[in-house]
Amino acid sequence: MELPMVVGVDGSEGSLEAVDWAAAEAARSGLPLRLVHASLWEHYEAPLTGLGTDRPSERIFAENLAATAEERVHRLAPDVKVSTDIQAEDPVTALLRAVPDASVLILGSRGRGPVKTMLLGSVSLAVAARARCPVVVVRGQETNRGSVCRRVVLGVGNSTGSTAAARFALREARLRGCELLAVRAWRCPAYEITPCQMIGGDQTEAYRQEADEYVDQILGAVDADHSDVVVRRKLVQGTAHQTLLEETASADLLVVGAKRRHAAVGLQLGRVDHAMLHHAACPVAVVPATDRAADGEAGEAGGAGGAGEAGGAGEDRGTVSAMTSRTRKDPSRSEPKPRSELRPASEPQPASEPEFAMLSTAECRALLSTHGVGRVAVNTHNGPAVVPVNYVVAGDGSVAYRTAPGTAAAAAAEHEVVFEADHVDDAVRQGWSVNVVGIARAVTGDAAARGLDQQAYTTPWAGDSRRLWLAIFPARMTGRRIGPAKGGQPGSI
C-alpha cells in the first residue's frame, strides 16, 4: 500500500501554496493526498457562550477550511485521491503523529515581520526539525513553485543523510523530467601549511578533488536506479549556505539531507538546513537518513546536510596529516566517513550559560516591526487565559489585533493586559522577547477599522468572521535578548 502525501492546512496563504504544490506533486507521482488541519487556537478564540447548535463554531470553521482545501485539490488535479483529517490538537503534535503514515510531509512557509517572504513559521520549523520522513516546505516565487525552472538542486553534505537526500532528489528529477544539479561547496583554510611540500600536490586542488570524490560517492550509491536522469555537478569554493542560496534562484526544488542525533528528540537541524528553510528562493525538501547504520555513522559530521556544514563548506580545520590522508582515501567506499575528528579541541563550543541583554524601547519597537504573531494575557470569567493573536502595529504606536465579541480575547477591552511577542532561533541559539503592558480598547469608527483591515497581513487565527479590533496602548514596553556570551561563544537557550 502506497503511503499518502500529507499536507498541513490552516487557511493561510502559505498553506494554500503548499496545497497547490502538493496537488501537482501528487498528480506526478500518482500518490493520494491527506489534508490535515489541527489547531487549538479555536479553543481560546471560540465564543464563551454557546451558539445554540449541535456542533461548536470551531469545528464548523475547521470543516469549512478542510473542505475548501479539498475542493482546491479537485480543481487543480481531478484524478488525485484526497482525504481530510481534522484534529483538535496542536499542529506540531498532530503533524508529527501523521509521519509514520506519510511518504512525505508538505508544509507552507509563513512570513513574519517586514520581510514576510523570508522567514519560516514556528510550526513548519518544528516539524521539519523533528519529522522522520521527508519534509517539504513550500516557499519562493510562483515560478519556482510551479516547476518552470526545470531543475532540481541537491546539496551534497557530510552527513550520511546525503545518500537518502540524493535518492529523493533523483526521484523528483525523474518525475519532473528535468535535470539534477548536485552542488558541493568546499573551502581551503588559508592558514594551513601548504601540503604540496609534503605530498607533491597543490593544496587547493586537493580540496577540490576531495569534494569531487565525495559527490562521486553519494551519487554512485543511488544513481543506478535513475539512469535516465541527466545529472550535472557543481563544485564551488565558498560557504555552503551562500552557494545553495544562489542556486535556489533558478531551481524548482532544493533537496538537503538531515542528520539524526540519538541524544535528542527527533532530528536537529543544522545551520545550512536552517538557512535554506528561512531564505531559499524555492521549495526546500529536508530528507533524514533512512537506516540505523546511517544514523549512527552521521554523528556530528556535517550538521544537517546542505552543501556541507563542515567539510562541504570548508569550515573544518584539518591538519597537514589529515589533509594527506584525505587525498589518499579509497574512492570505492559507498559512504564517506565522518569528519568530526578533524575539528581541533580549541574550536569554540556552546557556553553553559546564556547572556541576557535588556532592550531599549526603540529596540523593542523595531523587533515588533509592523506585524507578527503574539499572545495576550487576559482575565475572563473562567479565569486567566493566554490567547494567541495575529497583531499589527498601528500608526499611533498601539498593538492591535482582531477578534469577535464574546471571545476570550475580547475580554481584554477596557482592561490592563500584557501582550508578548518573541522569537527563538534554536539553530543559532539566539532569541528575544518583548512585553507590552497597557489598556486594551475597542477600535471605534469605520474608518479606523478599515485602516487596520488594510494594514493586516493575515486573517485572525479563528477565521475571517472576527471583525472587532482591539488596540493595546503601551504604558510600558520592555524586552530582553539572549545571544552569544562574551568572548564570541554562543549561549544556550
Protein backbone atom coordinates (compact mmCIF):
# COMPACT_ATOMS: atom_id res chain seq x y z
CA MET A 1 0.00 0.00 0.00
CA GLU A 2 1.40 3.36 -1.03
CA LEU A 3 1.66 5.92 1.75
CA PRO A 4 -0.12 9.21 1.03
CA MET A 5 1.44 12.64 0.92
CA VAL A 6 0.35 14.61 3.99
CA VAL A 7 -0.28 18.36 3.75
CA GLY A 8 -0.75 20.66 6.72
CA VAL A 9 -3.51 23.22 6.10
CA ASP A 10 -4.59 26.17 8.22
CA GLY A 11 -6.22 28.50 5.70
CA SER A 12 -3.24 30.84 5.46
CA GLU A 13 -1.74 31.94 2.17
CA GLY A 14 1.31 29.79 2.82
CA SER A 15 -0.73 26.64 3.41
CA LEU A 16 -2.73 27.24 0.23
CA GLU A 17 0.52 27.45 -1.70
CA ALA A 18 1.50 24.14 -0.08
CA VAL A 19 -1.82 22.59 -1.16
CA ASP A 20 -1.30 23.75 -4.75
CA TRP A 21 2.26 22.38 -4.80
CA ALA A 22 1.16 19.09 -3.25
CA ALA A 23 -1.67 18.67 -5.79
CA ALA A 24 0.81 18.93 -8.67
CA GLU A 25 3.25 16.60 -6.90
CA ALA A 26 0.54 14.01 -6.24
CA ALA A 27 -0.55 14.14 -9.89
CA ARG A 28 3.04 13.47 -10.98
CA SER A 29 3.67 10.65 -8.52
CA GLY A 30 0.22 9.04 -8.52
CA LEU A 31 0.06 9.18 -4.70
CA PRO A 32 -3.05 10.15 -2.70
CA LEU A 33 -3.21 13.32 -0.61
CA ARG A 34 -4.22 13.61 3.02
CA LEU A 35 -5.07 17.12 4.19
CA VAL A 36 -4.53 17.59 7.93
CA HIS A 37 -5.95 20.54 9.85
CA ALA A 38 -5.07 20.70 13.53
CA SER A 39 -5.45 23.66 15.83
CA LEU A 40 -6.02 24.50 19.45
CA TRP A 41 -6.39 28.22 18.76
CA GLU A 42 -10.17 27.90 18.35
CA HIS A 43 -10.47 26.66 21.91
CA TYR A 44 -9.16 30.06 23.03
CA GLU A 45 -10.88 32.17 20.39
CA ALA A 46 -14.29 30.45 20.46
CA PRO A 47 -17.18 32.45 21.96
CA LEU A 48 -17.55 31.92 25.68
CA THR A 49 -21.25 31.26 25.27
CA GLY A 50 -22.82 28.60 23.05
CA LEU A 51 -24.25 29.29 19.64
CA GLY A 52 -27.25 27.03 20.15
CA THR A 53 -26.03 24.50 17.57
CA ASP A 54 -25.09 20.86 17.91
CA ARG A 55 -21.55 21.49 16.75
CA PRO A 56 -19.17 24.11 18.21
CA SER A 57 -18.20 27.00 15.95
CA GLU A 58 -14.55 25.98 15.86
CA ARG A 59 -15.50 22.60 14.43
CA ILE A 60 -17.63 24.21 11.74
CA PHE A 61 -14.75 26.53 10.85
CA ALA A 62 -12.31 23.60 10.65
CA GLU A 63 -14.64 21.58 8.44
CA ASN A 64 -15.14 24.52 6.09
CA LEU A 65 -11.41 25.12 5.91
CA ALA A 66 -10.64 21.48 5.12
CA ALA A 67 -13.45 21.29 2.56
CA THR A 68 -12.12 24.40 0.81
CA ALA A 69 -8.64 22.89 0.58
CA GLU A 70 -10.07 19.61 -0.71
CA GLU A 71 -12.06 21.41 -3.40
CA ARG A 72 -8.90 23.28 -4.38
CA VAL A 73 -7.10 19.98 -4.98
CA HIS A 74 -10.01 18.58 -7.02
CA ARG A 75 -9.94 21.67 -9.20
CA LEU A 76 -6.17 21.56 -9.79
CA ALA A 77 -5.72 17.77 -10.03
CA PRO A 78 -9.05 15.97 -10.63
CA ASP A 79 -7.51 12.50 -10.69
CA VAL A 80 -5.80 12.77 -7.28
CA LYS A 81 -7.45 10.95 -4.40
CA VAL A 82 -7.95 13.31 -1.45
CA SER A 83 -8.96 12.77 2.18
CA THR A 84 -9.20 15.20 5.08
CA ASP A 85 -8.34 14.81 8.75
CA ILE A 86 -9.39 17.35 11.41
CA GLN A 87 -7.79 17.10 14.83
CA ALA A 88 -8.31 19.16 17.98
CA GLU A 89 -4.60 19.09 18.68
CA ASP A 90 -1.69 21.44 18.47
CA PRO A 91 -0.38 21.41 14.87
CA VAL A 92 3.15 20.17 15.60
CA THR A 93 1.96 17.15 17.57
CA ALA A 94 -0.72 16.27 15.03
CA LEU A 95 1.60 16.52 12.04
CA LEU A 96 4.36 14.51 13.69
CA ARG A 97 1.79 11.87 14.60
CA ALA A 98 0.95 11.61 10.89
CA VAL A 99 4.57 10.93 9.89
CA PRO A 100 4.54 7.09 10.14
CA ASP A 101 1.69 7.00 7.62
CA ALA A 102 3.17 9.58 5.24
CA SER A 103 5.51 9.27 2.28
CA VAL A 104 6.31 12.99 2.59
CA LEU A 105 5.06 15.87 4.73
CA ILE A 106 4.30 19.15 2.93
CA LEU A 107 4.00 22.46 4.76
CA GLY A 108 3.70 26.13 3.92
CA SER A 109 6.10 28.87 4.87
CA ARG A 110 4.53 31.62 6.98
CA GLY A 111 6.07 35.07 6.88
CA ARG A 112 6.71 37.21 9.94
CA GLY A 113 7.88 40.79 10.18
CA PRO A 114 8.62 43.19 7.32
CA VAL A 115 10.44 40.55 5.26
CA LYS A 116 7.37 38.35 5.03
CA THR A 117 8.62 36.01 2.30
CA MET A 118 11.90 35.20 4.03
CA LEU A 119 11.07 33.81 7.45
CA LEU A 120 9.62 30.47 8.42
CA GLY A 121 6.66 29.81 10.69
CA SER A 122 7.28 28.09 14.04
CA VAL A 123 5.11 25.06 13.18
CA SER A 124 6.95 24.38 9.91
CA LEU A 125 10.34 24.78 11.57
CA ALA A 126 9.46 22.48 14.48
CA VAL A 127 8.08 19.77 12.20
CA ALA A 128 10.98 19.97 9.74
CA ALA A 129 13.41 19.61 12.64
CA ARG A 130 11.78 16.51 14.12
CA ALA A 131 9.95 14.54 11.42
CA ARG A 132 11.33 11.14 10.45
CA CYS A 133 10.12 11.36 6.87
CA PRO A 134 11.00 13.87 4.12
CA VAL A 135 9.52 17.31 4.81
CA VAL A 136 8.94 19.83 2.04
CA VAL A 137 8.48 23.47 2.99
CA VAL A 138 6.88 25.29 0.06
CA ARG A 139 8.32 28.76 -0.40
CA GLY A 140 9.60 31.08 -3.11
CA GLN A 141 8.02 32.79 -6.08
CA GLU A 142 5.34 31.25 -8.28
CA THR A 143 7.93 30.48 -10.96
CA ASN A 144 9.94 28.36 -8.53
CA ARG A 145 6.89 26.69 -7.03
CA GLY A 146 5.43 25.88 -10.44
CA SER A 147 8.28 23.69 -11.77
CA VAL A 148 9.07 26.17 -14.52
CA CYS A 149 12.85 26.22 -13.99
CA ARG A 150 13.22 22.53 -14.94
CA ARG A 151 15.92 21.87 -12.37
CA VAL A 152 16.22 20.11 -9.01
CA VAL A 153 19.22 21.07 -6.85
CA LEU A 154 20.82 18.61 -4.42
CA GLY A 155 23.01 19.94 -1.64
CA VAL A 156 25.68 17.29 -1.07
CA GLY A 157 26.66 17.49 2.59
CA ASN A 158 28.75 15.50 5.02
CA SER A 159 26.02 13.65 6.90
CA THR A 160 25.05 10.19 5.72
CA GLY A 161 21.58 11.62 5.24
CA SER A 162 23.03 12.87 1.96
CA THR A 163 22.50 9.42 0.43
CA ALA A 164 18.78 9.46 1.24
CA ALA A 165 18.61 13.05 0.02
CA ALA A 166 20.27 12.09 -3.26
CA ARG A 167 17.80 9.26 -3.76
CA PHE A 168 14.89 11.64 -3.09
CA ALA A 169 16.33 14.30 -5.43
CA LEU A 170 16.83 11.81 -8.28
CA ARG A 171 13.28 10.57 -7.92
CA GLU A 172 11.96 14.13 -8.03
CA ALA A 173 14.03 14.94 -11.11
CA ARG A 174 12.74 11.82 -12.88
CA LEU A 175 9.10 12.59 -12.01
CA ARG A 176 9.52 16.14 -13.33
CA GLY A 177 11.55 15.12 -16.38
CA CYS A 178 14.23 17.67 -15.54
CA GLU A 179 17.93 17.74 -14.71
CA LEU A 180 19.52 17.27 -11.30
CA LEU A 181 22.30 19.60 -10.22
CA ALA A 182 24.46 18.20 -7.40
CA VAL A 183 26.20 21.04 -5.56
CA ARG A 184 29.13 20.70 -3.22
CA ALA A 185 30.81 23.69 -1.57
CA TRP A 186 34.38 23.46 -0.35
CA ARG A 187 36.98 25.78 1.07
CA CYS A 188 40.69 25.55 1.67
CA PRO A 189 41.70 27.06 5.04
CA ALA A 190 44.22 29.78 4.29
CA TYR A 191 46.26 29.24 7.45
CA GLU A 192 47.13 25.59 6.76
CA ILE A 193 50.69 24.69 5.87
CA THR A 194 50.84 24.12 2.14
CA PRO A 195 50.72 20.33 1.77
CA CYS A 196 52.28 20.33 -1.69
CA GLN A 197 55.69 20.50 0.02
CA MET A 198 54.90 17.14 1.65
CA ILE A 199 52.68 15.24 -0.77
CA GLY A 200 53.71 16.73 -4.07
CA GLY A 201 50.39 18.39 -4.93
CA ASP A 202 48.55 21.66 -4.90
CA GLN A 203 46.64 22.39 -1.69
CA THR A 204 43.61 23.99 -3.34
CA GLU A 205 43.38 21.27 -5.97
CA ALA A 206 43.49 18.60 -3.25
CA TYR A 207 40.44 20.08 -1.54
CA ARG A 208 38.60 20.44 -4.83
CA GLN A 209 39.42 16.84 -5.76
CA GLU A 210 38.16 15.66 -2.39
CA ALA A 211 34.85 17.45 -2.95
CA ASP A 212 34.57 15.85 -6.39
CA GLU A 213 35.21 12.38 -4.98
CA TYR A 214 32.61 12.92 -2.28
CA VAL A 215 29.97 13.76 -4.87
CA ASP A 216 31.01 10.60 -6.75
CA GLN A 217 30.43 8.51 -3.65
CA ILE A 218 26.99 9.94 -2.91
CA LEU A 219 25.71 9.75 -6.48
CA GLY A 220 27.33 6.39 -7.12
CA ALA A 221 25.36 4.84 -4.28
CA VAL A 222 21.97 5.75 -5.75
CA ASP A 223 22.07 6.77 -9.42
CA ALA A 224 21.80 3.20 -10.77
CA ASP A 225 18.04 3.34 -10.14
CA HIS A 226 17.64 6.58 -12.06
CA SER A 227 19.97 6.25 -15.02
CA ASP A 228 17.53 8.22 -17.20
CA VAL A 229 18.07 11.44 -15.22
CA VAL A 230 20.55 13.99 -16.53
CA VAL A 231 22.89 14.76 -13.64
CA ARG A 232 25.27 17.69 -13.53
CA ARG A 233 27.60 18.63 -10.71
CA LYS A 234 28.90 21.94 -9.48
CA LEU A 235 31.85 22.37 -7.14
CA VAL A 236 32.11 25.82 -5.60
CA GLN A 237 34.89 27.23 -3.47
CA GLY A 238 32.93 29.09 -0.83
CA THR A 239 30.45 28.70 2.00
CA ALA A 240 27.68 26.12 1.83
CA HIS A 241 24.71 28.30 2.69
CA GLN A 242 25.62 31.13 0.29
CA THR A 243 26.32 28.68 -2.53
CA LEU A 244 22.97 26.94 -2.17
CA LEU A 245 21.00 30.15 -1.74
CA GLU A 246 22.35 31.40 -5.08
CA GLU A 247 21.36 28.14 -6.80
CA THR A 248 17.80 28.20 -5.47
CA ALA A 249 17.00 31.32 -7.50
CA SER A 250 16.74 29.15 -10.64
CA ALA A 251 15.50 25.88 -9.11
CA ASP A 252 12.14 24.14 -8.74
CA LEU A 253 13.23 22.28 -5.61
CA LEU A 254 16.20 22.19 -3.27
CA VAL A 255 16.91 18.87 -1.53
CA VAL A 256 19.16 18.70 1.54
CA GLY A 257 19.95 15.90 3.96
CA ALA A 258 19.40 15.90 7.71
CA LYS A 259 21.41 14.07 10.30
CA ARG A 260 19.83 12.18 13.18
CA ARG A 261 21.13 12.65 16.73
CA HIS A 262 20.07 9.94 19.14
CA ALA A 263 20.91 12.14 22.13
CA ALA A 264 17.99 14.45 21.28
CA VAL A 265 14.38 14.03 20.26
CA GLY A 266 13.97 13.54 16.53
CA LEU A 267 16.02 15.48 14.06
CA GLN A 268 18.06 18.54 14.93
CA LEU A 269 18.53 20.93 12.03
CA GLY A 270 22.00 22.18 11.27
CA ARG A 271 23.00 25.66 10.16
CA VAL A 272 22.73 25.05 6.42
CA ASP A 273 19.29 23.42 6.60
CA HIS A 274 18.09 26.18 8.87
CA ALA A 275 19.30 28.89 6.48
CA MET A 276 17.67 27.19 3.50
CA LEU A 277 14.29 26.82 5.19
CA HIS A 278 14.29 30.51 6.07
CA HIS A 279 15.80 32.09 2.97
CA ALA A 280 15.72 29.76 -0.06
CA ALA A 281 14.04 31.10 -3.21
CA CYS A 282 12.34 27.76 -3.98
CA PRO A 283 10.65 24.89 -2.09
CA VAL A 284 13.01 23.01 0.23
CA ALA A 285 12.95 19.27 0.99
CA VAL A 286 14.69 18.12 4.18
CA VAL A 287 15.38 14.39 3.97
CA PRO A 288 16.51 12.36 7.00
CA ALA A 289 18.72 9.28 6.85
CA THR A 290 16.65 6.14 6.34
CA ASP A 291 18.57 3.41 8.15
CA ARG A 292 20.12 2.87 11.56
CA ALA A 293 23.60 2.36 10.20
CA ALA A 294 23.46 5.73 8.51
CA ASP A 295 22.05 7.32 11.63
CA GLY A 296 24.86 6.06 13.79
CA GLU A 297 27.56 6.97 11.32
CA ALA A 298 26.38 10.53 10.79
CA GLY A 299 27.25 11.66 14.29
CA GLU A 300 28.36 15.26 14.31
CA ALA A 301 29.94 15.05 10.88
CA GLY A 302 28.11 17.52 8.78
CA GLY A 303 25.35 19.31 10.59
CA ALA A 304 22.23 18.61 8.59
CA GLY A 305 23.45 18.27 5.07
CA GLY A 306 23.15 21.06 2.55
CA ALA A 307 26.41 21.58 0.74
CA GLY A 308 28.31 20.61 3.84
CA GLU A 309 28.10 22.00 7.33
CA ALA A 310 31.74 21.36 7.94
CA GLY A 311 33.71 19.73 5.16
CA GLY A 312 31.45 20.83 2.35
CA ALA A 313 31.78 24.43 3.36
CA GLY A 314 35.41 24.05 4.25
CA GLU A 315 34.67 25.04 7.83
CA ASP A 316 36.57 22.16 9.44
CA ARG A 317 40.19 22.79 10.25
CA GLY A 318 42.19 19.82 9.01
CA THR A 319 45.82 19.30 9.96
CA VAL A 320 48.61 18.53 7.48
CA SER A 321 48.47 14.82 8.34
CA ALA A 322 44.69 14.78 7.99
CA MET A 323 44.99 16.53 4.64
CA THR A 324 47.46 13.88 3.48
CA SER A 325 45.16 11.02 4.48
CA ARG A 326 42.18 12.63 2.79
CA THR A 327 43.93 12.84 -0.56
CA ARG A 328 44.75 9.12 -0.37
CA LYS A 329 41.32 7.85 0.59
CA ASP A 330 39.74 4.87 -1.13
CA PRO A 331 37.07 6.12 -3.62
CA SER A 332 35.33 2.72 -3.58
CA ARG A 333 33.61 3.47 -0.26
CA SER A 334 29.83 3.58 -0.52
CA GLU A 335 29.55 6.12 2.30
CA PRO A 336 32.00 8.82 3.41
CA LYS A 337 33.42 8.66 6.91
CA PRO A 338 32.52 11.34 9.43
CA ARG A 339 34.97 14.18 9.74
CA SER A 340 34.26 15.41 13.26
CA GLU A 341 37.70 14.13 14.30
CA LEU A 342 39.22 16.89 12.18
CA ARG A 343 37.89 19.57 14.49
CA PRO A 344 40.54 20.77 16.96
CA ALA A 345 39.70 20.79 20.64
CA SER A 346 40.21 24.55 20.70
CA GLU A 347 37.18 25.21 18.48
CA PRO A 348 34.56 27.29 20.40
CA GLN A 349 31.79 25.25 22.00
CA PRO A 350 28.38 26.41 23.24
CA ALA A 351 28.60 28.23 26.54
CA SER A 352 26.89 26.61 29.50
CA GLU A 353 25.12 29.85 30.49
CA PRO A 354 23.28 32.33 28.25
CA GLU A 355 23.94 36.03 28.19
CA PHE A 356 20.89 38.28 28.52
CA ALA A 357 20.70 41.89 27.43
CA MET A 358 17.89 44.29 28.26
CA LEU A 359 16.37 46.06 25.26
CA SER A 360 15.54 49.73 24.93
CA THR A 361 12.06 50.87 23.94
CA ALA A 362 13.32 51.67 20.44
CA GLU A 363 14.79 48.18 20.10
CA CYS A 364 11.51 46.64 21.31
CA ARG A 365 9.53 48.57 18.71
CA ALA A 366 11.96 47.54 15.99
CA LEU A 367 11.57 43.86 16.91
CA LEU A 368 7.77 44.08 16.94
CA SER A 369 8.12 45.53 13.43
CA THR A 370 4.87 46.04 11.51
CA HIS A 371 3.08 42.77 12.32
CA GLY A 372 3.52 39.24 13.57
CA VAL A 373 2.18 36.65 16.00
CA GLY A 374 1.97 37.22 19.73
CA ARG A 375 -0.02 36.37 22.86
CA VAL A 376 -2.39 38.38 25.03
CA ALA A 377 -2.89 37.52 28.71
CA VAL A 378 -6.41 38.39 29.87
CA ASN A 379 -8.77 37.68 32.74
CA THR A 380 -12.08 36.03 31.85
CA HIS A 381 -14.97 34.81 33.99
CA ASN A 382 -13.46 31.33 33.61
CA GLY A 383 -10.09 32.53 34.91
CA PRO A 384 -6.86 33.78 33.33
CA ALA A 385 -6.28 32.95 29.66
CA VAL A 386 -3.41 33.40 27.24
CA VAL A 387 -4.68 33.92 23.71
CA PRO A 388 -2.58 33.68 20.51
CA VAL A 389 -3.26 36.58 18.14
CA ASN A 390 -2.07 37.97 14.82
CA TYR A 391 -1.12 41.58 15.53
CA VAL A 392 -0.27 44.74 13.64
CA VAL A 393 1.48 47.84 14.93
CA ALA A 394 -0.78 50.80 14.14
CA GLY A 395 0.36 54.26 13.15
CA ASP A 396 -0.29 55.61 16.64
CA GLY A 397 2.08 53.03 18.15
CA SER A 398 -0.61 50.77 19.56
CA VAL A 399 -0.57 46.99 19.11
CA ALA A 400 -3.87 45.91 17.51
CA TYR A 401 -5.46 42.53 16.91
CA ARG A 402 -8.79 41.21 15.58
CA THR A 403 -11.28 39.08 17.49
CA ALA A 404 -15.06 38.77 17.94
CA PRO A 405 -17.41 39.95 20.69
CA GLY A 406 -17.79 37.40 23.47
CA THR A 407 -14.43 35.71 22.93
CA ALA A 408 -11.64 35.41 25.48
CA ALA A 409 -9.53 37.87 23.50
CA ALA A 410 -12.40 40.39 23.53
CA ALA A 411 -12.48 40.24 27.34
CA ALA A 412 -9.36 42.41 27.31
CA ALA A 413 -11.38 45.50 26.32
CA GLU A 414 -11.02 48.37 28.82
CA HIS A 415 -8.64 46.36 30.99
CA GLU A 416 -4.91 46.42 31.51
CA VAL A 417 -3.37 43.47 29.69
CA VAL A 418 0.03 42.04 28.88
CA PHE A 419 0.97 41.40 25.27
CA GLU A 420 4.06 39.36 24.42
CA ALA A 421 5.86 38.61 21.16
CA ASP A 422 9.05 36.62 20.93
CA HIS A 423 11.29 34.71 18.57
CA VAL A 424 13.75 31.94 19.45
CA ASP A 425 16.14 30.52 16.87
CA ASP A 426 17.38 27.16 18.16
CA ALA A 427 19.83 26.68 15.31
CA VAL A 428 21.91 29.76 16.14
CA ARG A 429 20.92 29.79 19.82
CA GLN A 430 19.61 33.31 19.92
CA GLY A 431 16.28 34.90 20.67
CA TRP A 432 14.32 37.84 22.01
CA SER A 433 11.13 38.63 23.90
CA VAL A 434 9.14 41.87 24.06
CA ASN A 435 6.37 42.61 26.60
CA VAL A 436 3.83 45.41 26.20
CA VAL A 437 1.67 46.41 29.15
CA GLY A 438 -1.27 48.76 28.61
CA ILE A 439 -5.01 49.30 28.39
CA ALA A 440 -6.79 47.46 25.56
CA ARG A 441 -9.53 49.50 23.93
CA ALA A 442 -12.02 48.59 21.21
CA VAL A 443 -11.37 50.45 17.96
CA THR A 444 -14.45 52.51 17.13
CA GLY A 445 -15.25 54.17 13.86
CA ASP A 446 -15.49 52.53 10.44
CA ALA A 447 -12.55 54.46 9.03
CA ALA A 448 -10.19 53.35 11.79
CA ALA A 449 -11.30 49.72 11.49
CA ARG A 450 -10.95 49.79 7.69
CA GLY A 451 -7.47 51.21 8.05
CA LEU A 452 -6.46 48.31 10.29
CA ASP A 453 -8.12 45.82 7.91
CA GLN A 454 -6.00 47.17 5.08
CA GLN A 455 -2.87 47.05 7.21
CA ALA A 456 -3.47 43.46 8.38
CA TYR A 457 -1.18 40.90 6.76
CA THR A 458 -3.09 37.80 7.82
CA THR A 459 -6.56 36.70 8.82
CA PRO A 460 -7.39 36.09 12.51
CA TRP A 461 -6.48 32.72 14.00
CA ALA A 462 -10.11 31.60 14.09
CA GLY A 463 -11.20 32.84 10.66
CA ASP A 464 -12.45 35.85 8.76
CA SER A 465 -15.54 36.48 10.88
CA ARG A 466 -13.51 38.24 13.59
CA ARG A 467 -14.10 41.91 12.87
CA LEU A 468 -13.66 43.52 16.30
CA TRP A 469 -10.33 45.33 16.55
CA LEU A 470 -8.73 45.88 19.94
CA ALA A 471 -5.75 48.18 20.34
CA ILE A 472 -3.31 48.00 23.25
CA PHE A 473 -1.84 51.39 24.07
CA PRO A 474 1.58 50.77 25.68
CA ALA A 475 2.15 52.13 29.17
CA ARG A 476 5.33 50.08 29.50
CA MET A 477 7.38 48.26 26.89
CA THR A 478 10.24 46.01 27.98
CA GLY A 479 12.29 43.31 26.37
CA ARG A 480 15.41 41.25 26.56
CA ARG A 481 17.60 39.40 24.15
CA ILE A 482 19.55 36.18 24.63
CA GLY A 483 22.57 35.62 22.46
CA PRO A 484 26.27 34.83 22.27
CA ALA A 485 28.11 35.06 25.56
CA LYS A 486 31.09 37.34 25.98
CA GLY A 487 34.05 36.14 24.02
CA GLY A 488 32.02 35.27 20.97
CA GLN A 489 30.80 31.88 22.11
CA PRO A 490 27.07 31.19 21.73
CA GLY A 491 24.93 30.91 24.80
CA SER A 492 22.41 28.17 25.46
CA ILE A 493 18.71 28.91 25.31
